[in-house]
Amino acid sequence: MTIPKGPTLAVVATSKGEGAQVLQPSGWPMPKGYANGMAADGRIVVTGGVIGWDSRGRLADGFVAQVRQTLANIKAILEAGGARPEHLVRLTWYVVDIEEYLANLKALGQAYREVFGAHYPAMALVQVVRLVEKEARVEIEATAVVPR
């Protein structure tokens, strides 16, 4: 009896060559804008659910603007914890309208790269009925690992 083997795992170097490694099973198509998996060794920095409000508690106007502000807020939290965007290993996005997300992919990608650069960790996208802050269109949780 032969036991089928799973896909061989390829470890892809990150853009900075430090810390986290992208996990890409060989033979799988390369994902666009995210990684299938990440591996890292170091100190973990975790955010709560972050939304797109400024330091005065005002939400940005519109979905893409809220995403940009949310990412900037995550970057500020990472910096407070001694981490940088290239240390991100996971982002979980909660959106109230997945069609709004899909209709804005190009602008979202641009906003993402402006804030985080070309580092794409493992990501999940979930549509929810609503967020605690009822005017919020997006909430994102982040996990980063700072190398030892």
N, C-alpha and C. Protein backbone atom coordinates (compact mmCIF):
# COMPACT_ATOMS: atom_id res chain seq x y z
N MET A 1 0.84 -1.16 0.00
CA MET A 1 0.00 0.00 0.00
C MET A 1 0.90 1.24 0.00
N THR A 2 0.59 2.17 -0.85
CA THR A 2 1.35 3.43 -0.89
C THR A 2 0.54 4.51 -0.18
N ILE A 3 1.24 5.26 0.60
CA ILE A 3 0.61 6.38 1.30
C ILE A 3 0.94 7.65 0.52
N PRO A 4 -0.09 8.37 0.07
CA PRO A 4 0.20 9.58 -0.68
C PRO A 4 0.92 10.61 0.18
N LYS A 5 1.90 11.26 -0.42
CA LYS A 5 2.64 12.29 0.29
C LYS A 5 1.98 13.63 0.08
N GLY A 6 2.04 14.46 1.10
CA GLY A 6 1.54 15.83 0.97
C GLY A 6 2.53 16.65 0.20
N PRO A 7 2.17 17.88 -0.09
CA PRO A 7 3.08 18.73 -0.85
C PRO A 7 4.35 19.03 -0.05
N THR A 8 5.45 19.12 -0.75
CA THR A 8 6.71 19.49 -0.12
C THR A 8 6.63 20.97 0.22
N LEU A 9 7.21 21.35 1.33
CA LEU A 9 7.14 22.72 1.80
C LEU A 9 8.36 23.50 1.33
N ALA A 10 8.13 24.66 0.77
CA ALA A 10 9.22 25.56 0.41
C ALA A 10 9.22 26.70 1.41
N VAL A 11 10.38 27.09 1.89
CA VAL A 11 10.50 28.25 2.76
C VAL A 11 11.06 29.37 1.90
N VAL A 12 10.30 30.44 1.79
CA VAL A 12 10.67 31.56 0.94
C VAL A 12 11.19 32.67 1.83
N ALA A 13 12.36 33.22 1.49
CA ALA A 13 12.92 34.32 2.29
C ALA A 13 12.02 35.54 2.21
N THR A 14 11.88 36.24 3.31
CA THR A 14 11.13 37.49 3.30
C THR A 14 11.98 38.57 2.67
N SER A 15 11.35 39.70 2.37
CA SER A 15 12.05 40.78 1.67
C SER A 15 13.26 41.29 2.46
N LYS A 16 13.19 41.28 3.76
CA LYS A 16 14.30 41.79 4.59
C LYS A 16 15.28 40.68 4.96
N GLY A 17 14.89 39.43 4.72
CA GLY A 17 15.78 38.31 5.01
C GLY A 17 15.99 38.05 6.50
N GLU A 18 15.14 38.60 7.37
CA GLU A 18 15.29 38.38 8.80
C GLU A 18 13.97 37.93 9.41
N GLY A 19 14.05 37.27 10.53
CA GLY A 19 12.85 36.94 11.28
C GLY A 19 11.95 35.92 10.62
N ALA A 20 10.78 36.36 10.20
CA ALA A 20 9.74 35.47 9.69
C ALA A 20 10.10 34.88 8.33
N GLN A 21 9.60 33.69 8.11
CA GLN A 21 9.78 33.01 6.83
C GLN A 21 8.40 32.68 6.27
N VAL A 22 8.25 32.89 4.98
CA VAL A 22 7.00 32.56 4.30
C VAL A 22 6.99 31.05 4.03
N LEU A 23 5.89 30.40 4.35
CA LEU A 23 5.73 28.96 4.10
C LEU A 23 4.87 28.79 2.86
N GLN A 24 5.44 28.19 1.83
CA GLN A 24 4.76 28.03 0.55
C GLN A 24 4.89 26.57 0.10
N PRO A 25 3.84 25.77 0.24
CA PRO A 25 3.93 24.40 -0.24
C PRO A 25 4.28 24.37 -1.73
N SER A 26 5.25 23.55 -2.10
CA SER A 26 5.66 23.50 -3.50
C SER A 26 4.52 22.97 -4.35
N GLY A 27 4.42 23.51 -5.53
CA GLY A 27 3.36 23.14 -6.44
C GLY A 27 2.10 23.97 -6.27
N TRP A 28 1.99 24.69 -5.18
CA TRP A 28 0.83 25.56 -4.97
C TRP A 28 1.06 26.86 -5.72
N PRO A 29 0.00 27.49 -6.22
CA PRO A 29 0.17 28.81 -6.85
C PRO A 29 0.56 29.84 -5.79
N MET A 30 1.39 30.79 -6.20
CA MET A 30 1.79 31.86 -5.27
C MET A 30 0.59 32.75 -4.99
N PRO A 31 0.27 32.99 -3.73
CA PRO A 31 -0.85 33.87 -3.41
C PRO A 31 -0.48 35.33 -3.72
N LYS A 32 -1.48 36.13 -3.97
CA LYS A 32 -1.26 37.56 -4.23
C LYS A 32 -1.72 38.36 -3.03
N GLY A 33 -0.80 39.10 -2.44
CA GLY A 33 -1.16 39.98 -1.34
C GLY A 33 -1.26 39.34 0.02
N TYR A 34 -0.86 38.09 0.15
CA TYR A 34 -0.85 37.41 1.45
C TYR A 34 0.06 36.19 1.33
N ALA A 35 0.33 35.53 2.45
CA ALA A 35 1.11 34.29 2.46
C ALA A 35 0.21 33.16 2.95
N ASN A 36 0.48 31.95 2.47
CA ASN A 36 -0.27 30.79 2.97
C ASN A 36 0.07 30.50 4.42
N GLY A 37 1.30 30.74 4.81
CA GLY A 37 1.71 30.49 6.19
C GLY A 37 3.01 31.21 6.48
N MET A 38 3.32 31.35 7.75
CA MET A 38 4.54 32.02 8.19
C MET A 38 5.14 31.23 9.35
N ALA A 39 6.46 31.26 9.46
CA ALA A 39 7.17 30.68 10.60
C ALA A 39 8.11 31.75 11.15
N ALA A 40 8.22 31.82 12.46
CA ALA A 40 9.07 32.84 13.07
C ALA A 40 9.50 32.38 14.45
N ASP A 41 10.59 32.93 14.90
CA ASP A 41 11.10 32.65 16.24
C ASP A 41 11.44 33.99 16.86
N GLY A 42 10.88 34.29 18.04
CA GLY A 42 11.17 35.56 18.68
C GLY A 42 10.10 35.98 19.66
N ARG A 43 10.06 37.30 19.94
CA ARG A 43 9.11 37.87 20.89
C ARG A 43 7.83 38.24 20.14
N ILE A 44 6.69 37.80 20.65
CA ILE A 44 5.40 38.03 20.00
C ILE A 44 4.84 39.39 20.41
N VAL A 45 4.34 40.13 19.42
CA VAL A 45 3.63 41.38 19.64
C VAL A 45 2.26 41.20 19.00
N VAL A 46 1.20 41.39 19.80
CA VAL A 46 -0.16 41.15 19.33
C VAL A 46 -0.99 42.40 19.55
N THR A 47 -1.83 42.73 18.57
CA THR A 47 -2.76 43.84 18.75
C THR A 47 -4.14 43.27 19.06
N GLY A 48 -4.97 44.12 19.58
CA GLY A 48 -6.39 43.79 19.67
C GLY A 48 -7.01 44.11 18.32
N GLY A 49 -8.32 44.14 18.26
CA GLY A 49 -8.99 44.56 17.04
C GLY A 49 -8.81 46.06 16.89
N VAL A 50 -8.20 46.47 15.80
CA VAL A 50 -7.87 47.87 15.56
C VAL A 50 -8.78 48.40 14.46
N ILE A 51 -9.33 49.60 14.68
CA ILE A 51 -10.17 50.23 13.67
C ILE A 51 -9.53 51.52 13.18
N GLY A 52 -10.16 52.15 12.20
CA GLY A 52 -9.58 53.30 11.53
C GLY A 52 -9.93 54.65 12.12
N TRP A 53 -9.69 54.81 13.41
CA TRP A 53 -9.91 56.13 13.99
C TRP A 53 -8.60 56.79 14.32
N ASP A 54 -8.65 58.11 14.42
CA ASP A 54 -7.44 58.88 14.72
C ASP A 54 -7.27 59.02 16.22
N SER A 55 -6.27 59.78 16.64
CA SER A 55 -5.96 59.92 18.07
C SER A 55 -7.07 60.65 18.84
N ARG A 56 -7.99 61.28 18.13
CA ARG A 56 -9.13 61.94 18.79
C ARG A 56 -10.40 61.09 18.74
N GLY A 57 -10.27 59.86 18.25
CA GLY A 57 -11.42 58.96 18.21
C GLY A 57 -12.35 59.17 17.04
N ARG A 58 -11.91 59.89 16.01
CA ARG A 58 -12.74 60.13 14.83
C ARG A 58 -12.40 59.11 13.76
N LEU A 59 -13.43 58.47 13.21
CA LEU A 59 -13.22 57.49 12.15
C LEU A 59 -12.97 58.21 10.83
N ALA A 60 -12.06 57.64 10.05
CA ALA A 60 -11.81 58.15 8.70
C ALA A 60 -13.08 57.99 7.88
N ASP A 61 -13.23 58.81 6.85
CA ASP A 61 -14.42 58.80 6.02
C ASP A 61 -14.24 57.85 4.84
N GLY A 62 -14.98 56.76 4.81
CA GLY A 62 -14.94 55.82 3.70
C GLY A 62 -14.11 54.58 4.02
N PHE A 63 -14.40 53.52 3.28
CA PHE A 63 -13.79 52.22 3.54
C PHE A 63 -12.27 52.23 3.37
N VAL A 64 -11.78 52.69 2.23
CA VAL A 64 -10.33 52.67 1.98
C VAL A 64 -9.61 53.56 2.98
N ALA A 65 -10.17 54.72 3.27
CA ALA A 65 -9.55 55.63 4.26
C ALA A 65 -9.51 54.97 5.64
N GLN A 66 -10.56 54.24 6.00
CA GLN A 66 -10.55 53.54 7.29
C GLN A 66 -9.50 52.44 7.31
N VAL A 67 -9.35 51.72 6.20
CA VAL A 67 -8.31 50.69 6.13
C VAL A 67 -6.94 51.32 6.28
N ARG A 68 -6.67 52.39 5.55
CA ARG A 68 -5.36 53.06 5.62
C ARG A 68 -5.07 53.50 7.06
N GLN A 69 -6.06 54.11 7.72
CA GLN A 69 -5.87 54.55 9.11
C GLN A 69 -5.69 53.37 10.04
N THR A 70 -6.44 52.29 9.82
CA THR A 70 -6.30 51.08 10.64
C THR A 70 -4.88 50.53 10.53
N LEU A 71 -4.37 50.45 9.30
CA LEU A 71 -3.00 49.95 9.11
C LEU A 71 -1.98 50.87 9.76
N ALA A 72 -2.18 52.18 9.66
CA ALA A 72 -1.28 53.13 10.33
C ALA A 72 -1.34 52.95 11.84
N ASN A 73 -2.54 52.70 12.38
CA ASN A 73 -2.69 52.46 13.82
C ASN A 73 -1.96 51.18 14.24
N ILE A 74 -2.08 50.15 13.43
CA ILE A 74 -1.37 48.90 13.72
C ILE A 74 0.13 49.14 13.70
N LYS A 75 0.61 49.87 12.71
CA LYS A 75 2.04 50.18 12.62
C LYS A 75 2.51 50.91 13.88
N ALA A 76 1.70 51.86 14.38
CA ALA A 76 2.06 52.59 15.60
C ALA A 76 2.11 51.65 16.81
N ILE A 77 1.16 50.72 16.90
CA ILE A 77 1.16 49.75 18.01
C ILE A 77 2.39 48.85 17.91
N LEU A 78 2.71 48.39 16.70
CA LEU A 78 3.90 47.56 16.51
C LEU A 78 5.15 48.31 16.98
N GLU A 79 5.27 49.57 16.55
CA GLU A 79 6.44 50.37 16.94
C GLU A 79 6.53 50.51 18.45
N ALA A 80 5.38 50.70 19.12
CA ALA A 80 5.37 50.80 20.58
C ALA A 80 5.88 49.51 21.23
N GLY A 81 5.71 48.38 20.52
CA GLY A 81 6.17 47.09 21.02
C GLY A 81 7.53 46.68 20.48
N GLY A 82 8.21 47.60 19.79
CA GLY A 82 9.54 47.29 19.26
C GLY A 82 9.50 46.45 17.99
N ALA A 83 8.37 46.46 17.30
CA ALA A 83 8.22 45.68 16.06
C ALA A 83 8.04 46.61 14.87
N ARG A 84 8.23 46.03 13.68
CA ARG A 84 8.03 46.75 12.42
C ARG A 84 7.09 45.94 11.54
N PRO A 85 6.55 46.54 10.48
CA PRO A 85 5.64 45.80 9.61
C PRO A 85 6.23 44.50 9.06
N GLU A 86 7.52 44.45 8.79
CA GLU A 86 8.11 43.22 8.26
C GLU A 86 8.15 42.09 9.29
N HIS A 87 7.82 42.39 10.55
CA HIS A 87 7.72 41.36 11.58
C HIS A 87 6.33 40.73 11.64
N LEU A 88 5.37 41.29 10.90
CA LEU A 88 4.01 40.73 10.90
C LEU A 88 4.02 39.30 10.38
N VAL A 89 3.31 38.43 11.08
CA VAL A 89 3.15 37.05 10.62
C VAL A 89 1.69 36.72 10.32
N ARG A 90 0.76 37.55 10.83
CA ARG A 90 -0.66 37.27 10.60
C ARG A 90 -1.48 38.54 10.76
N LEU A 91 -2.45 38.69 9.85
CA LEU A 91 -3.47 39.73 9.95
C LEU A 91 -4.82 39.07 9.77
N THR A 92 -5.77 39.40 10.63
CA THR A 92 -7.14 38.94 10.46
C THR A 92 -8.01 40.17 10.26
N TRP A 93 -8.62 40.25 9.09
CA TRP A 93 -9.48 41.38 8.71
C TRP A 93 -10.93 41.01 8.95
N TYR A 94 -11.68 41.91 9.58
CA TYR A 94 -13.12 41.77 9.74
C TYR A 94 -13.75 42.94 9.00
N VAL A 95 -14.58 42.65 8.01
CA VAL A 95 -15.23 43.70 7.23
C VAL A 95 -16.74 43.52 7.32
N VAL A 96 -17.47 44.63 7.25
CA VAL A 96 -18.92 44.54 7.31
C VAL A 96 -19.53 44.28 5.93
N ASP A 97 -18.74 44.48 4.87
CA ASP A 97 -19.25 44.25 3.52
C ASP A 97 -18.12 43.74 2.63
N ILE A 98 -18.13 42.45 2.37
CA ILE A 98 -17.05 41.86 1.56
C ILE A 98 -17.07 42.39 0.13
N GLU A 99 -18.24 42.77 -0.38
CA GLU A 99 -18.32 43.35 -1.73
C GLU A 99 -17.60 44.69 -1.77
N GLU A 100 -17.69 45.45 -0.70
CA GLU A 100 -16.98 46.73 -0.60
C GLU A 100 -15.47 46.48 -0.63
N TYR A 101 -15.03 45.45 0.07
CA TYR A 101 -13.62 45.06 0.06
C TYR A 101 -13.19 44.69 -1.36
N LEU A 102 -13.94 43.80 -2.01
CA LEU A 102 -13.58 43.32 -3.35
C LEU A 102 -13.61 44.44 -4.38
N ALA A 103 -14.51 45.38 -4.24
CA ALA A 103 -14.61 46.49 -5.19
C ALA A 103 -13.46 47.48 -5.06
N ASN A 104 -12.70 47.39 -3.97
CA ASN A 104 -11.63 48.35 -3.70
C ASN A 104 -10.25 47.71 -3.63
N LEU A 105 -10.06 46.54 -4.23
CA LEU A 105 -8.80 45.80 -4.09
C LEU A 105 -7.59 46.62 -4.51
N LYS A 106 -7.67 47.31 -5.62
CA LYS A 106 -6.52 48.07 -6.11
C LYS A 106 -6.14 49.19 -5.12
N ALA A 107 -7.11 49.95 -4.68
CA ALA A 107 -6.85 51.03 -3.72
C ALA A 107 -6.39 50.48 -2.37
N LEU A 108 -6.94 49.33 -1.97
CA LEU A 108 -6.52 48.70 -0.72
C LEU A 108 -5.07 48.25 -0.80
N GLY A 109 -4.71 47.64 -1.93
CA GLY A 109 -3.32 47.21 -2.12
C GLY A 109 -2.36 48.38 -2.06
N GLN A 110 -2.75 49.49 -2.67
CA GLN A 110 -1.90 50.69 -2.65
C GLN A 110 -1.76 51.22 -1.22
N ALA A 111 -2.87 51.31 -0.50
CA ALA A 111 -2.82 51.79 0.89
C ALA A 111 -1.97 50.86 1.75
N TYR A 112 -2.13 49.56 1.56
CA TYR A 112 -1.36 48.57 2.31
C TYR A 112 0.14 48.79 2.08
N ARG A 113 0.55 48.88 0.81
CA ARG A 113 1.97 49.05 0.49
C ARG A 113 2.52 50.38 1.01
N GLU A 114 1.70 51.42 1.00
CA GLU A 114 2.14 52.72 1.53
C GLU A 114 2.47 52.64 3.02
N VAL A 115 1.71 51.85 3.75
CA VAL A 115 1.91 51.75 5.20
C VAL A 115 2.88 50.64 5.57
N PHE A 116 2.72 49.44 4.99
CA PHE A 116 3.49 48.26 5.39
C PHE A 116 4.57 47.86 4.39
N GLY A 117 4.61 48.45 3.23
CA GLY A 117 5.57 48.02 2.22
C GLY A 117 5.11 46.74 1.56
N ALA A 118 6.04 46.01 0.99
CA ALA A 118 5.72 44.80 0.23
C ALA A 118 5.91 43.53 1.07
N HIS A 119 5.52 43.57 2.31
CA HIS A 119 5.57 42.40 3.19
C HIS A 119 4.15 41.89 3.36
N TYR A 120 3.92 40.63 3.00
CA TYR A 120 2.57 40.06 3.03
C TYR A 120 2.54 38.83 3.92
N PRO A 121 2.05 38.98 5.16
CA PRO A 121 1.96 37.84 6.07
C PRO A 121 0.75 36.97 5.74
N ALA A 122 0.56 35.93 6.53
CA ALA A 122 -0.66 35.12 6.42
C ALA A 122 -1.84 36.03 6.80
N MET A 123 -2.91 35.93 6.03
CA MET A 123 -4.07 36.78 6.28
C MET A 123 -5.36 35.99 6.16
N ALA A 124 -6.35 36.43 6.90
CA ALA A 124 -7.71 35.91 6.77
C ALA A 124 -8.65 37.11 6.65
N LEU A 125 -9.71 36.92 5.89
CA LEU A 125 -10.73 37.96 5.70
C LEU A 125 -12.07 37.37 6.08
N VAL A 126 -12.79 38.05 6.98
CA VAL A 126 -14.06 37.56 7.48
C VAL A 126 -15.10 38.67 7.36
N GLN A 127 -16.25 38.35 6.82
CA GLN A 127 -17.35 39.32 6.81
C GLN A 127 -18.14 39.12 8.09
N VAL A 128 -18.45 40.24 8.75
CA VAL A 128 -19.21 40.21 10.00
C VAL A 128 -20.47 41.05 9.84
N VAL A 129 -21.42 40.83 10.71
CA VAL A 129 -22.68 41.58 10.64
C VAL A 129 -22.45 43.05 10.99
N ARG A 130 -21.69 43.29 12.03
CA ARG A 130 -21.32 44.65 12.41
C ARG A 130 -20.17 44.60 13.39
N LEU A 131 -19.54 45.75 13.59
CA LEU A 131 -18.44 45.88 14.54
C LEU A 131 -18.95 46.64 15.75
N VAL A 132 -18.20 46.60 16.85
CA VAL A 132 -18.64 47.26 18.08
C VAL A 132 -18.85 48.76 17.83
N GLU A 133 -17.89 49.38 17.16
CA GLU A 133 -18.05 50.79 16.77
C GLU A 133 -18.88 50.76 15.50
N LYS A 134 -20.17 51.10 15.60
CA LYS A 134 -21.09 50.81 14.49
C LYS A 134 -20.79 51.54 13.19
N GLU A 135 -20.04 52.62 13.20
CA GLU A 135 -19.68 53.32 11.96
C GLU A 135 -18.41 52.75 11.32
N ALA A 136 -17.72 51.87 12.04
CA ALA A 136 -16.50 51.27 11.51
C ALA A 136 -16.85 50.28 10.40
N ARG A 137 -16.05 50.29 9.33
CA ARG A 137 -16.25 49.39 8.19
C ARG A 137 -15.29 48.21 8.21
N VAL A 138 -14.20 48.34 9.00
CA VAL A 138 -13.16 47.31 9.04
C VAL A 138 -12.51 47.31 10.42
N GLU A 139 -12.11 46.13 10.86
CA GLU A 139 -11.33 45.95 12.08
C GLU A 139 -10.28 44.90 11.76
N ILE A 140 -9.05 45.13 12.20
CA ILE A 140 -7.96 44.19 11.88
C ILE A 140 -7.20 43.85 13.15
N GLU A 141 -6.92 42.56 13.34
CA GLU A 141 -6.03 42.08 14.39
C GLU A 141 -4.70 41.71 13.77
N ALA A 142 -3.62 41.99 14.48
CA ALA A 142 -2.28 41.72 13.94
C ALA A 142 -1.45 40.94 14.94
N THR A 143 -0.60 40.07 14.40
CA THR A 143 0.40 39.34 15.19
C THR A 143 1.74 39.52 14.51
N ALA A 144 2.73 39.94 15.28
CA ALA A 144 4.09 40.11 14.78
C ALA A 144 5.03 39.31 15.68
N VAL A 145 6.17 38.90 15.11
CA VAL A 145 7.21 38.22 15.88
C VAL A 145 8.51 38.97 15.63
N VAL A 146 9.05 39.54 16.70
CA VAL A 146 10.33 40.26 16.60
C VAL A 146 11.45 39.25 16.78
N PRO A 147 12.38 39.17 15.84
CA PRO A 147 13.46 38.18 15.96
C PRO A 147 14.27 38.38 17.23
N ARG A 148 14.81 37.28 17.72
CA ARG A 148 15.66 37.33 18.92
C ARG A 148 16.98 37.99 18.61
